[in-house]
Amino acid sequence: MSRFMGPTQTAVPSARACVFGARLIAIPASKKVGSRSYAEPHMQIALSGNGRRRLTIGSRELVLSTSPAMIELYGAGYEIARTEWDGEPGECVGLSFPRAITERFLLDDGRRFELASAHEVFDAEVSRVGFQLADEVRRGMPHGVLFAEGLCLTLMGLLSLRHGPARRSREGGVALSSRQRRLLETFIDGKMGTELTIERMSALLGMSPYQFTRRFKASFGLPPHRHVMHKRLLVAERMLREERGRPIAEIALEVGFSSQAHFTAAFRQYMGTTPARLRWD
C-alpha cells in the first residue's frame, strides 16, 4: 500500500518504552486540521508513498509534496494555522525532543538542542537512521532500550550539525582514559543480564549520554549497543560450549537477550552459525 505523511497522530505503541517517545503515526486518506503548534522540537519522516499538503503559516500558504524518506522539521514554538492534505492512507515515524529529555542527555556539554523548522527536507543519513528507528518501534523494541537510545542520540547529533546551530562538544571524539574503560568494562560484565542503557553507563563516568556515546566509539571503535552485543555473544558462546545440558532460552535471558529468537538471530548474524549448531559442532 502506498503511504504518505500528514499531521494526524495515531500512535502505535511499542512493547517497551523509548525515552524520546518515538512512535509510528497513522495517516488517513484526507483531512483538514485547524491550528496546531509544537512546544518542543519535533521531527517526522515519511516511510513510503506520496501525497500533497497545503499549510497556512501566518499569512503564507505553502503547497508541499510528500514522498518516501522526506523529512519535516519543526522548531520549538512553531505554529501552523491550518493544514489540508490528500493522498493514500499511510504512516510516518515521529520523534519529539522535549527539553527535559535533551538537557538530561546533554548535561554539562554547554549546549542546548535546537532545531530549525524546514519542510520537504531530504537527508539520506537522517532518513536511514529514522527508518531503523521506525522498524525498531514497529517490532516492539526487540534490540532493547540501549539500541533505541543510540539511534535517537545519533539523530540528535545529525540534526544538530545539519539542521540547527552548529556547535561542537568540547570533548567529542576524545577517547576514554584507561581507568574509565576498565571501570566501564567491569560494570558491563557485572550487569550483563540486565537492561543496560546509555544513561546508566554515562552516569557511571560522570558525563552526558551524548558525550559518552562519542567518546565510547572513539575508544572501542563501536557504538555502545554493538560493543555490549559482542560481549554478550562471547559469554553466551562460552556457556553453550561448557553447559551443554542447559536450555538455550535460559542462556539467552542470562546474558541479556529479550528472547531465544532474538538471541538466535543475533548469534547467526555475528557468529555465522546458530547456538544449537555451535553447541554440537
Foldseek 3Di string as FASTA:
>chain_A
DFAWDDDAADFDFFQDDAPQRKTKGKFAQWDKDFKDWAQFKKKKFFQAHKKWKWWAAPNDIDIDMTGHGWMWIHWHGGMTGMMIMGHHIHMIMMTTDDQVVVCQQQPPQPDGQTFAGDGRDHDPVLSVLRVVLHVCRVNRNQLANAVNVVSVLVNSVVRCCPGHPHDDGPQFLAADDPVLVVQLVVVCVVQQLDRDHLSVSCVSVPGHSSRCQRRVCSHPVDGVSVVSLVVLLVVLLVCLQPVVPDDQQVSCNRRHGPGSVSVQVSCCVPVVHGSVVSSVD
